[in-house]
Protein backbone atom coordinates (compact mmCIF):
# COMPACT_ATOMS: atom_id res chain seq x y z
CA GLY A 1 0.00 0.00 0.00
CA MET A 2 2.71 2.49 0.94
CA ARG A 3 4.65 1.80 -2.28
CA ALA A 4 1.54 2.53 -4.33
CA ARG A 5 0.97 5.77 -2.45
CA LEU A 6 4.57 6.83 -2.95
CA GLY A 7 4.52 5.91 -6.63
CA PHE A 8 1.29 7.80 -7.20
CA SER A 9 2.59 10.89 -5.40
CA VAL A 10 5.91 10.88 -7.27
CA ALA A 11 4.20 10.44 -10.64
CA PHE A 12 2.00 13.47 -10.02
CA GLN A 13 4.88 15.62 -8.79
CA VAL A 14 7.04 14.82 -11.84
CA ASP A 15 4.16 15.98 -14.10
CA PRO A 16 4.73 13.76 -17.15
CA GLY A 17 2.94 14.46 -20.44
CA VAL A 18 1.25 11.04 -20.28
CA LEU A 19 0.58 9.29 -16.98
CA LEU A 20 -0.04 5.52 -16.87
CA VAL A 21 -2.00 4.45 -13.76
CA ASP A 22 -2.55 0.75 -13.10
CA GLU A 23 -5.30 0.06 -10.53
CA VAL A 24 -3.66 2.38 -7.99
CA LEU A 25 -7.01 3.74 -6.87
CA GLY A 26 -7.95 0.33 -5.51
CA VAL A 27 -4.93 0.24 -3.21
CA GLY A 28 -4.97 1.65 0.29
CA ASP A 29 -7.65 3.01 2.52
CA ALA A 30 -10.74 5.03 1.66
CA GLU A 31 -9.00 8.33 2.37
CA PHE A 32 -6.19 7.55 -0.09
CA ALA A 33 -8.70 6.44 -2.73
CA LYS A 34 -10.57 9.74 -2.30
CA LYS A 35 -7.38 11.82 -2.53
CA SER A 36 -6.03 9.92 -5.54
CA SER A 37 -9.36 10.20 -7.35
CA ALA A 38 -9.45 13.96 -6.71
CA ALA A 39 -5.87 14.28 -8.01
CA MET A 40 -6.81 12.36 -11.17
CA LYS A 41 -9.87 14.56 -11.74
CA GLN A 42 -7.74 17.70 -11.30
CA ARG A 43 -5.18 16.33 -13.75
CA LEU A 44 -7.92 15.62 -16.32
CA LYS A 45 -9.16 19.21 -16.05
CA SER A 46 -5.67 20.39 -17.01
CA GLU A 47 -5.91 18.63 -20.39
CA LYS A 48 -3.17 16.12 -19.45
CA THR A 49 -3.38 12.56 -20.72
CA ILE A 50 -3.95 9.74 -18.25
CA VAL A 51 -4.12 6.08 -19.23
CA LEU A 52 -5.98 4.23 -16.47
CA VAL A 53 -5.86 0.44 -16.39
CA SER A 54 -8.72 -0.85 -14.25
CA HIS A 55 -11.43 -3.47 -13.82
CA ASN A 56 -13.53 -1.14 -11.68
CA ALA A 57 -16.47 0.07 -13.79
CA THR A 58 -17.42 2.77 -11.27
CA THR A 59 -13.93 4.29 -11.35
CA ILE A 60 -13.84 4.12 -15.13
CA ARG A 61 -17.24 5.85 -15.39
CA GLN A 62 -16.15 8.61 -13.03
CA LEU A 63 -12.76 9.33 -14.57
CA CYS A 64 -12.72 8.31 -18.23
CA SER A 65 -14.28 9.91 -21.28
CA ARG A 66 -12.95 7.24 -23.67
CA SER A 67 -12.26 3.56 -23.01
CA VAL A 68 -10.69 0.52 -24.63
CA TRP A 69 -11.98 -2.93 -23.70
CA ILE A 70 -9.25 -5.57 -24.00
CA GLU A 71 -10.13 -9.23 -23.55
CA SER A 72 -7.44 -11.94 -23.68
CA GLY A 73 -5.03 -9.54 -25.38
CA GLU A 74 -7.53 -8.58 -28.10
CA THR A 75 -9.19 -5.18 -28.47
CA LYS A 76 -12.93 -5.84 -28.36
CA MET A 77 -14.16 -2.24 -28.47
CA GLU A 78 -13.03 1.34 -28.07
CA GLY A 79 -14.92 4.60 -27.86
CA VAL A 80 -17.09 6.61 -25.50
CA THR A 81 -16.85 5.09 -22.02
CA ALA A 82 -20.61 4.65 -21.52
CA ASP A 83 -20.91 2.70 -24.79
CA VAL A 84 -17.90 0.49 -24.10
CA LEU A 85 -19.01 -0.31 -20.56
CA LYS A 86 -22.53 -1.12 -21.73
CA GLU A 87 -21.18 -3.74 -24.17
CA TYR A 88 -18.67 -5.06 -21.64
CA GLU A 89 -21.39 -5.48 -19.00
CA LYS A 90 -23.55 -7.35 -21.54
CA PHE A 91 -20.59 -9.64 -22.27
CA ILE A 92 -20.02 -10.29 -18.57
CA SER A 93 -23.71 -11.03 -17.88
CA VAL A 94 -23.86 -13.58 -20.73
CA ARG A 95 -20.60 -15.19 -19.64
CA SER A 96 -21.71 -15.65 -16.00
């Protein structure tokens, strides 16, 4: 948990042109999740690019305007987040 917090903090302080975030919002306590989500939202308002890798549909809905659904290494769909998640959720419901 502490490594994820440190990595997240360093990445935001360095201010790269493109930031790759891999499930970091799911690590740590509720307070860290709230702070990291707020930092991501602020970053998005500044027109910076963030690539978020996540399985959490709620987080994706809140933070992403565009999404790519990758299944077994194959791109299944890309586009507006609401559209991609709708198709992904259909896929999951049929598969269950």
